[in-house]
Amino acid sequence: MANFSNINFKNKRALVRVDFNVPLNNNGKVVDDSRIKAALPTIKSILESGGSVVLMSHLGRPNGTRNMEFSLLPVVNHLRQIVDNEVLFAEDCVGRDVLRLSEALRPGQILMLENLRFHKEETDGNDNFALELSYLGDVYINDAFGTAHRAHASTAVVAEHFDPKNRAFGLLMGAEVSSLEKALVEGNHPVTAIIGGAKVSSKIDVLSSLLDKVDSIIIGGGMAYTFVKSLGGEVGSSLVEEDKLEVAESLLNVAKEKGVKVYLPIDSVNSSKFADILPSSKTLISEIPRLEMGLDIGEMTIDLFSGVIKDSQTIIWNGPMGVFELDNYAEGTKKIGESIVEATKNGAFSLVGGGDSVAAAKKFGIADKLSYVSTGGGAMLEYLEGKVLPGIAAIKED
């Protein structure tokens, strides 16, 4: 693979895979352009080097049909508002007309292709489709970490049609990979992983993989109640995966064997129903009343977790500590986020990823105070699980 900074883009077309799968409102307007702005450094760098850019992305799940509800035209209109360069739009992503548009590009111009997923060949990873896409650029740049775990035509297969010296990670993708490696491979110890979210089942592989990489694991969110019940605790009507009790207990035993400290909540903030009402009680997490459910961690837990975090040199955060979307149950996630910020100020490297974690960091105004905020939820999870991501492997192959 080539290094992005070493590629000469002058008078070349760069075929760039971006992740512009952004939310639109009922009027077809972009309501959150974070992903678009995250790709701008790569786009601008190519243009400033005398090249042109052909952008390709998906939007939603049109399932291989030309459904204009998922057209990328609204994204193109938004992009035109935030860049000074001319932005053209192709009404398809392959075909003679699209090829002509790409071949006519002048340095400094941007061409946005229509939704890749209007063709089922994209998600099928079809080689002929990937070959057609490859004709649109002289070099291939993958800057879409959010789709790196998919072996799709535009994320993995197309790279095979470019010489290794003509394919590279974009600046965003490079930063993602570098940050993950810094946290998981090169991180200073103690390394602490904060894992939250609703279900143990969605984090089993992550937890198992992390046991070989970290010194401590903090478990919060809904999944904590399954762990507590596996140890004999009474958790009332809290979210519990009954079929994962043995798995949870086994993970705790393996962690002990490997010398990894696992921290579970001590106390819980409870409610009689899942709603933004005042708590019904605050109890030890193993003593929640029968008709109540835990929706957040309590003060003793916040103190315990914060102490571990502040003593850490590398911190990986994936998943909230409670139902942070409800203001009455957001305190735990907020305080843990603030502890990560404090540790970061004191020299720790902090990496946050996953839709809910990133949303929480933004809600509490701390996203820009962490070392790195990942743009890829599913991709980051699979990386943490130790899986090979097709979009990364395809670029690195010689």
Protein backbone atom coordinates (compact mmCIF):
# COMPACT_ATOMS: atom_id res chain seq x y z
CA MET A 1 0.00 0.00 0.00
CA ALA A 2 1.02 3.59 -0.51
CA ASN A 3 1.12 6.33 2.08
CA PHE A 4 -1.47 8.99 1.30
CA SER A 5 1.03 11.79 1.79
CA ASN A 6 3.42 10.24 -0.74
CA ILE A 7 0.94 9.96 -3.62
CA ASN A 8 1.26 12.53 -6.40
CA PHE A 9 -2.34 13.49 -7.20
CA LYS A 10 -1.48 16.13 -9.80
CA ASN A 11 -3.69 15.70 -12.88
CA LYS A 12 -5.04 12.43 -11.47
CA ARG A 13 -8.55 11.34 -10.60
CA ALA A 14 -8.80 10.00 -7.06
CA LEU A 15 -11.62 7.50 -6.58
CA VAL A 16 -12.49 8.03 -2.92
CA ARG A 17 -14.80 5.79 -0.89
CA VAL A 18 -16.42 7.97 1.77
CA ASP A 19 -19.11 7.29 4.34
CA PHE A 20 -21.78 9.88 3.58
CA ASN A 21 -24.55 7.75 5.06
CA VAL A 22 -25.93 10.75 6.94
CA PRO A 23 -29.37 11.44 8.43
CA LEU A 24 -31.84 13.48 6.36
CA ASN A 25 -35.02 15.20 7.55
CA ASN A 26 -38.43 14.96 5.86
CA ASN A 27 -37.46 17.80 3.55
CA GLY A 28 -34.37 15.97 2.34
CA LYS A 29 -31.95 18.19 4.22
CA VAL A 30 -28.83 16.88 5.96
CA VAL A 31 -29.34 17.20 9.72
CA ASP A 32 -25.90 15.97 10.86
CA ASP A 33 -22.94 16.50 8.53
CA SER A 34 -20.25 15.18 10.89
CA ARG A 35 -19.30 12.36 8.53
CA ILE A 36 -19.11 14.72 5.57
CA LYS A 37 -16.88 17.17 7.41
CA ALA A 38 -14.68 14.31 8.65
CA ALA A 39 -13.82 13.46 5.03
CA LEU A 40 -13.05 17.04 3.96
CA PRO A 41 -9.34 16.99 4.89
CA THR A 42 -8.76 14.10 2.49
CA ILE A 43 -10.83 15.68 -0.28
CA LYS A 44 -9.19 19.09 0.09
CA SER A 45 -5.70 17.64 0.21
CA ILE A 46 -6.22 15.85 -3.12
CA LEU A 47 -7.69 18.95 -4.76
CA GLU A 48 -4.96 21.24 -3.44
CA SER A 49 -2.39 18.82 -4.86
CA GLY A 50 -3.80 19.35 -8.34
CA GLY A 51 -6.05 16.33 -8.56
CA SER A 52 -9.78 15.78 -9.01
CA VAL A 53 -12.03 13.66 -6.79
CA VAL A 54 -14.66 11.05 -7.59
CA LEU A 55 -16.66 10.37 -4.43
CA MET A 56 -18.63 7.18 -3.90
CA SER A 57 -20.84 6.30 -0.96
CA HIS A 58 -23.99 4.51 0.08
CA LEU A 59 -27.03 5.99 1.81
CA GLY A 60 -29.50 3.84 3.73
CA ARG A 61 -30.62 0.44 2.51
CA PRO A 62 -32.30 0.61 -0.89
CA ASN A 63 -31.59 -3.13 -1.24
CA GLY A 64 -30.31 -3.06 -4.78
CA THR A 65 -33.14 -0.99 -6.27
CA ARG A 66 -33.18 2.57 -7.58
CA ASN A 67 -35.21 4.11 -4.76
CA MET A 68 -34.92 7.89 -4.95
CA GLU A 69 -35.76 8.17 -1.26
CA PHE A 70 -32.11 7.16 -0.82
CA SER A 71 -30.61 9.38 -3.50
CA LEU A 72 -27.36 11.13 -2.63
CA LEU A 73 -28.48 14.35 -4.35
CA PRO A 74 -29.33 16.04 -1.00
CA VAL A 75 -25.82 15.21 0.19
CA VAL A 76 -24.37 16.75 -2.98
CA ASN A 77 -26.39 19.91 -2.39
CA HIS A 78 -25.06 20.11 1.17
CA LEU A 79 -21.49 19.47 0.03
CA ARG A 80 -21.80 22.36 -2.45
CA GLN A 81 -22.58 24.66 0.48
CA ILE A 82 -19.49 23.77 2.51
CA VAL A 83 -16.76 23.55 -0.17
CA ASP A 84 -15.54 26.18 -2.61
CA ASN A 85 -14.92 23.69 -5.41
CA GLU A 86 -17.34 22.74 -8.17
CA VAL A 87 -19.33 19.62 -7.25
CA LEU A 88 -20.85 17.60 -10.09
CA PHE A 89 -23.37 14.79 -9.67
CA ALA A 90 -23.65 11.54 -11.61
CA GLU A 91 -27.13 10.00 -11.69
CA ASP A 92 -25.59 6.54 -11.47
CA CYS A 93 -22.31 5.11 -10.21
CA VAL A 94 -21.34 2.96 -13.22
CA GLY A 95 -21.95 3.06 -16.97
CA ARG A 96 -20.74 5.00 -20.00
CA ASP A 97 -22.22 8.34 -18.97
CA VAL A 98 -20.56 8.16 -15.56
CA LEU A 99 -17.25 7.17 -17.13
CA ARG A 100 -17.43 10.16 -19.48
CA LEU A 101 -18.08 12.51 -16.56
CA SER A 102 -15.08 11.15 -14.68
CA GLU A 103 -12.79 11.36 -17.71
CA ALA A 104 -13.82 14.99 -18.29
CA LEU A 105 -12.97 16.08 -14.74
CA ARG A 106 -10.54 18.94 -14.42
CA PRO A 107 -8.17 19.43 -11.47
CA GLY A 108 -10.06 20.93 -8.54
CA GLN A 109 -13.44 19.42 -9.48
CA ILE A 110 -15.48 16.93 -7.46
CA LEU A 111 -17.80 14.31 -8.92
CA MET A 112 -20.26 12.61 -6.55
CA LEU A 113 -21.67 9.29 -7.71
CA GLU A 114 -25.23 8.18 -7.04
CA ASN A 115 -25.90 5.67 -4.25
CA LEU A 116 -23.77 2.55 -4.69
CA ARG A 117 -26.45 0.40 -3.11
CA PHE A 118 -28.86 1.07 -5.95
CA HIS A 119 -26.97 -1.91 -7.38
CA LYS A 120 -27.10 -5.21 -5.48
CA GLU A 121 -23.65 -5.97 -6.89
CA GLU A 122 -22.23 -3.48 -4.37
CA THR A 123 -23.22 -5.45 -1.28
CA ASP A 124 -22.60 -8.75 -3.08
CA GLY A 125 -18.98 -7.73 -3.54
CA ASN A 126 -19.28 -8.35 -7.27
CA ASP A 127 -15.91 -8.18 -9.04
CA ASN A 128 -17.25 -6.93 -12.38
CA PHE A 129 -19.05 -4.10 -10.61
CA ALA A 130 -15.83 -3.27 -8.74
CA LEU A 131 -13.92 -3.30 -12.04
CA GLU A 132 -16.37 -0.78 -13.53
CA LEU A 133 -15.90 1.47 -10.51
CA SER A 134 -12.12 1.24 -10.88
CA TYR A 135 -12.30 2.82 -14.36
CA LEU A 136 -13.46 6.05 -12.68
CA GLY A 137 -10.15 6.79 -10.97
CA ASP A 138 -6.38 6.64 -11.43
CA VAL A 139 -5.83 6.03 -7.72
CA TYR A 140 -8.09 4.54 -5.05
CA ILE A 141 -8.47 6.04 -1.59
CA ASN A 142 -10.54 4.40 1.14
CA ASP A 143 -11.62 6.99 3.71
CA ALA A 144 -14.74 5.17 4.97
CA PHE A 145 -13.83 3.45 8.23
CA GLY A 146 -17.54 3.07 9.05
CA THR A 147 -17.84 0.52 6.22
CA ALA A 148 -14.41 -1.09 6.57
CA HIS A 149 -15.94 -4.23 8.10
CA ARG A 150 -17.97 -4.86 4.92
CA ALA A 151 -16.51 -6.89 2.04
CA HIS A 152 -18.43 -4.79 -0.47
CA ALA A 153 -17.36 -3.96 -4.01
CA SER A 154 -16.44 -0.35 -3.21
CA THR A 155 -14.75 -1.02 0.12
CA ALA A 156 -12.62 -4.07 -0.55
CA VAL A 157 -12.91 -5.62 -4.01
CA VAL A 158 -12.22 -2.44 -6.00
CA ALA A 159 -8.82 -2.07 -4.31
CA GLU A 160 -7.67 -5.24 -6.07
CA HIS A 161 -7.93 -3.40 -9.40
CA PHE A 162 -5.33 -0.82 -8.39
CA ASP A 163 -1.61 -1.29 -8.08
CA PRO A 164 -0.50 -1.18 -4.40
CA LYS A 165 1.33 2.09 -5.07
CA ASN A 166 -1.96 3.60 -6.28
CA ARG A 167 -4.14 2.74 -3.31
CA ALA A 168 -4.07 4.09 0.22
CA PHE A 169 -6.04 5.02 3.31
CA GLY A 170 -7.41 8.54 3.36
CA LEU A 171 -6.49 10.87 6.21
CA LEU A 172 -9.61 9.91 8.21
CA MET A 173 -9.17 6.18 7.70
CA GLY A 174 -5.49 6.44 8.51
CA ALA A 175 -6.26 8.25 11.75
CA GLU A 176 -8.85 5.61 12.69
CA VAL A 177 -6.46 2.70 12.14
CA SER A 178 -3.61 4.51 13.86
CA SER A 179 -5.75 5.36 16.91
CA LEU A 180 -7.04 1.80 17.28
CA GLU A 181 -3.54 0.39 17.03
CA LYS A 182 -2.30 2.96 19.51
CA ALA A 183 -4.98 1.89 21.98
CA LEU A 184 -4.84 -1.88 21.48
CA VAL A 185 -1.24 -2.56 20.47
CA GLU A 186 0.96 0.35 21.45
CA GLY A 187 -0.99 1.73 24.41
CA ASN A 188 0.79 2.60 27.64
CA HIS A 189 -0.34 0.61 30.65
CA PRO A 190 -2.55 0.44 32.61
CA VAL A 191 -5.03 -0.05 29.75
CA THR A 192 -8.71 0.15 30.70
CA ALA A 193 -11.69 -0.74 28.54
CA ILE A 194 -15.08 0.71 29.47
CA ILE A 195 -17.77 -1.46 27.94
CA GLY A 196 -21.45 -0.61 28.27
CA GLY A 197 -24.65 -0.94 26.32
CA ALA A 198 -27.77 -3.00 26.62
CA LYS A 199 -26.82 -6.61 25.95
CA VAL A 200 -24.01 -8.98 26.81
CA SER A 201 -24.71 -10.90 23.60
CA SER A 202 -23.55 -7.98 21.44
CA LYS A 203 -20.29 -7.58 23.37
CA ILE A 204 -19.23 -11.18 24.12
CA ASP A 205 -16.60 -11.27 21.37
CA VAL A 206 -15.33 -7.81 22.28
CA LEU A 207 -14.93 -8.72 25.94
CA SER A 208 -13.24 -12.04 25.11
CA SER A 209 -10.75 -10.35 22.79
CA LEU A 210 -9.99 -7.51 25.19
CA LEU A 211 -9.00 -9.96 27.93
CA ASP A 212 -5.70 -10.42 26.08
CA LYS A 213 -5.07 -6.71 25.61
CA VAL A 214 -6.14 -4.75 28.71
CA ASP A 215 -5.44 -4.58 32.41
CA SER A 216 -8.95 -3.63 33.52
CA ILE A 217 -12.48 -3.81 32.17
CA ILE A 218 -15.30 -1.64 33.47
CA ILE A 219 -18.77 -3.00 32.70
CA GLY A 220 -21.83 -0.76 32.82
CA GLY A 221 -25.16 -0.23 31.12
CA GLY A 222 -27.91 -2.79 30.79
CA MET A 223 -25.44 -5.63 30.26
CA ALA A 224 -24.13 -5.20 33.81
CA TYR A 225 -27.33 -6.62 35.28
CA THR A 226 -26.77 -9.94 33.51
CA PHE A 227 -23.32 -10.15 35.08
CA VAL A 228 -24.66 -9.25 38.52
CA LYS A 229 -27.42 -11.86 38.29
CA SER A 230 -24.89 -14.47 37.17
CA LEU A 231 -23.19 -13.91 40.53
CA GLY A 232 -26.45 -14.41 42.45
CA GLY A 233 -27.57 -10.80 42.75
CA GLU A 234 -31.22 -9.72 42.81
CA VAL A 235 -31.73 -7.24 39.97
CA GLY A 236 -35.52 -6.86 39.99
CA SER A 237 -37.04 -6.37 36.55
CA SER A 238 -33.79 -5.01 35.06
CA LEU A 239 -32.74 -6.05 31.58
CA VAL A 240 -31.22 -9.52 31.84
CA GLU A 241 -30.32 -12.05 29.17
CA GLU A 242 -31.18 -15.25 30.96
CA ASP A 243 -29.52 -17.39 28.28
CA LYS A 244 -26.23 -15.53 28.78
CA LEU A 245 -25.84 -15.96 32.53
CA GLU A 246 -23.36 -18.81 32.17
CA VAL A 247 -21.45 -16.91 29.50
CA ALA A 248 -21.18 -13.89 31.78
CA GLU A 249 -19.94 -15.99 34.69
CA SER A 250 -17.44 -17.73 32.41
CA LEU A 251 -16.06 -14.41 31.18
CA LEU A 252 -15.50 -13.30 34.76
CA ASN A 253 -13.66 -16.55 35.53
CA VAL A 254 -11.45 -16.28 32.44
CA ALA A 255 -10.64 -12.67 33.33
CA LYS A 256 -9.56 -13.78 36.79
CA GLU A 257 -7.35 -16.50 35.31
CA LYS A 258 -5.69 -13.96 33.01
CA GLY A 259 -5.20 -11.40 35.75
CA VAL A 260 -7.57 -8.84 34.24
CA LYS A 261 -9.54 -6.87 36.81
CA VAL A 262 -13.25 -6.61 36.00
CA TYR A 263 -15.23 -3.85 37.71
CA LEU A 264 -19.01 -4.23 37.99
CA PRO A 265 -21.37 -1.57 39.38
CA ILE A 266 -21.87 -1.47 43.12
CA ASP A 267 -25.11 0.49 43.25
CA SER A 268 -27.96 1.27 40.91
CA VAL A 269 -30.47 4.06 40.22
CA ASN A 270 -33.84 2.38 39.69
CA SER A 271 -37.28 3.11 38.31
CA SER A 272 -40.64 1.36 38.28
CA LYS A 273 -40.88 1.90 34.53
CA PHE A 274 -38.75 2.79 31.53
CA ALA A 275 -39.51 6.50 31.40
CA ASP A 276 -37.88 9.84 32.21
CA ILE A 277 -39.37 10.07 35.67
CA LEU A 278 -37.66 10.56 39.01
CA PRO A 279 -35.96 7.41 40.36
CA SER A 280 -38.07 5.08 42.50
CA SER A 281 -35.05 4.05 44.54
CA LYS A 282 -31.27 3.95 44.78
CA THR A 283 -29.98 0.59 46.01
CA LEU A 284 -27.07 -1.79 45.87
CA ILE A 285 -27.15 -3.31 42.40
CA SER A 286 -27.59 -6.77 43.89
CA GLU A 287 -30.63 -5.65 45.92
CA ILE A 288 -32.99 -4.03 43.41
CA PRO A 289 -36.69 -4.34 44.41
CA ARG A 290 -38.64 -6.97 42.46
CA LEU A 291 -40.79 -4.54 40.46
CA GLU A 292 -38.05 -2.02 39.71
CA MET A 293 -35.38 -1.86 37.02
CA GLY A 294 -31.91 -0.38 37.07
CA LEU A 295 -31.43 2.45 34.58
CA ASP A 296 -28.15 4.03 35.71
CA ILE A 297 -25.14 3.46 37.92
CA GLY A 298 -25.12 5.02 41.39
CA GLU A 299 -22.70 7.35 43.19
CA MET A 300 -20.56 4.62 44.73
CA THR A 301 -20.07 3.07 41.31
CA ILE A 302 -19.21 6.44 39.77
CA ASP A 303 -16.51 6.91 42.42
CA LEU A 304 -15.13 3.40 41.87
CA PHE A 305 -15.07 3.61 38.08
CA SER A 306 -13.68 7.14 38.08
CA GLY A 307 -10.78 6.08 40.28
CA VAL A 308 -9.86 3.26 37.88
CA ILE A 309 -10.11 5.59 34.88
CA LYS A 310 -7.96 8.31 36.41
CA ASP A 311 -5.23 5.75 37.14
CA SER A 312 -5.20 4.55 33.52
CA GLN A 313 -2.83 5.56 30.73
CA THR A 314 -4.92 4.18 27.86
CA ILE A 315 -8.74 4.21 27.83
CA ILE A 316 -11.12 2.59 25.35
CA TRP A 317 -14.78 3.56 25.75
CA ASN A 318 -17.58 1.72 23.98
CA GLY A 319 -21.08 1.92 25.42
CA PRO A 320 -22.91 4.14 27.94
CA MET A 321 -23.29 3.43 31.65
CA GLY A 322 -27.06 3.87 31.71
CA VAL A 323 -30.03 5.18 29.77
CA PHE A 324 -28.31 8.51 29.12
CA GLU A 325 -31.04 9.56 26.68
CA LEU A 326 -33.30 10.07 29.71
CA ASP A 327 -32.09 13.07 31.71
CA ASN A 328 -32.92 11.49 35.07
CA TYR A 329 -30.63 8.55 34.22
CA ALA A 330 -27.78 10.31 32.42
CA GLU A 331 -25.60 11.18 35.42
CA GLY A 332 -23.55 7.98 35.39
CA THR A 333 -22.55 8.25 31.74
CA LYS A 334 -21.87 11.97 32.11
CA LYS A 335 -19.61 11.54 35.15
CA ILE A 336 -17.68 8.67 33.59
CA GLY A 337 -17.18 10.77 30.46
CA GLU A 338 -15.87 13.62 32.58
CA SER A 339 -13.45 11.24 34.32
CA ILE A 340 -12.12 10.17 30.92
CA VAL A 341 -11.63 13.83 30.03
CA GLU A 342 -9.69 14.41 33.26
CA ALA A 343 -7.48 11.38 32.58
CA THR A 344 -6.89 12.64 29.05
CA LYS A 345 -5.83 16.05 30.37
CA ASN A 346 -3.33 14.26 32.58
CA GLY A 347 -1.72 12.48 29.65
CA ALA A 348 -3.81 9.37 29.01
CA PHE A 349 -4.80 8.36 25.47
CA SER A 350 -8.60 8.04 25.19
CA LEU A 351 -10.50 6.44 22.34
CA VAL A 352 -14.29 6.49 22.14
CA GLY A 353 -16.37 4.69 19.54
CA GLY A 354 -19.83 3.28 18.95
CA GLY A 355 -22.97 5.22 18.13
CA ASP A 356 -24.28 5.58 21.68
CA SER A 357 -20.92 6.46 23.20
CA VAL A 358 -20.24 9.11 20.58
CA ALA A 359 -23.77 10.47 20.99
CA ALA A 360 -23.23 10.69 24.75
CA ALA A 361 -19.86 12.42 24.30
CA LYS A 362 -21.51 15.00 22.04
CA LYS A 363 -24.51 15.44 24.34
CA PHE A 364 -22.29 16.22 27.31
CA GLY A 365 -19.92 18.43 25.32
CA ILE A 366 -16.80 16.34 25.80
CA ALA A 367 -16.18 14.88 22.33
CA ASP A 368 -13.49 17.44 21.51
CA LYS A 369 -11.77 16.82 24.85
CA LEU A 370 -10.97 13.17 24.16
CA SER A 371 -7.93 11.94 22.24
CA TYR A 372 -9.91 10.37 19.39
CA VAL A 373 -13.58 9.86 18.52
CA SER A 374 -14.09 7.02 16.06
CA THR A 375 -16.54 7.44 13.18
CA GLY A 376 -17.20 3.72 12.83
CA GLY A 377 -19.48 1.89 15.25
CA GLY A 378 -19.69 -1.60 13.79
CA ALA A 379 -16.22 -1.39 12.31
CA MET A 380 -14.68 -0.40 15.63
CA LEU A 381 -16.49 -3.23 17.41
CA GLU A 382 -15.18 -5.80 14.95
CA TYR A 383 -11.68 -4.34 15.25
CA LEU A 384 -11.92 -4.66 19.03
CA GLU A 385 -13.08 -8.25 18.51
CA GLY A 386 -9.82 -8.93 16.74
CA LYS A 387 -11.41 -9.50 13.35
CA VAL A 388 -9.74 -8.67 10.05
CA LEU A 389 -11.64 -5.79 8.42
CA PRO A 390 -11.91 -6.34 4.64
CA GLY A 391 -11.66 -2.62 3.84
CA ILE A 392 -8.37 -2.37 5.72
CA ALA A 393 -6.91 -5.68 4.55
CA ALA A 394 -7.59 -4.86 0.88
CA ILE A 395 -5.52 -1.67 1.06
CA LYS A 396 -2.63 -3.30 2.92
CA GLU A 397 -2.27 -6.31 0.62
CA ASP A 398 0.78 -6.23 -1.65
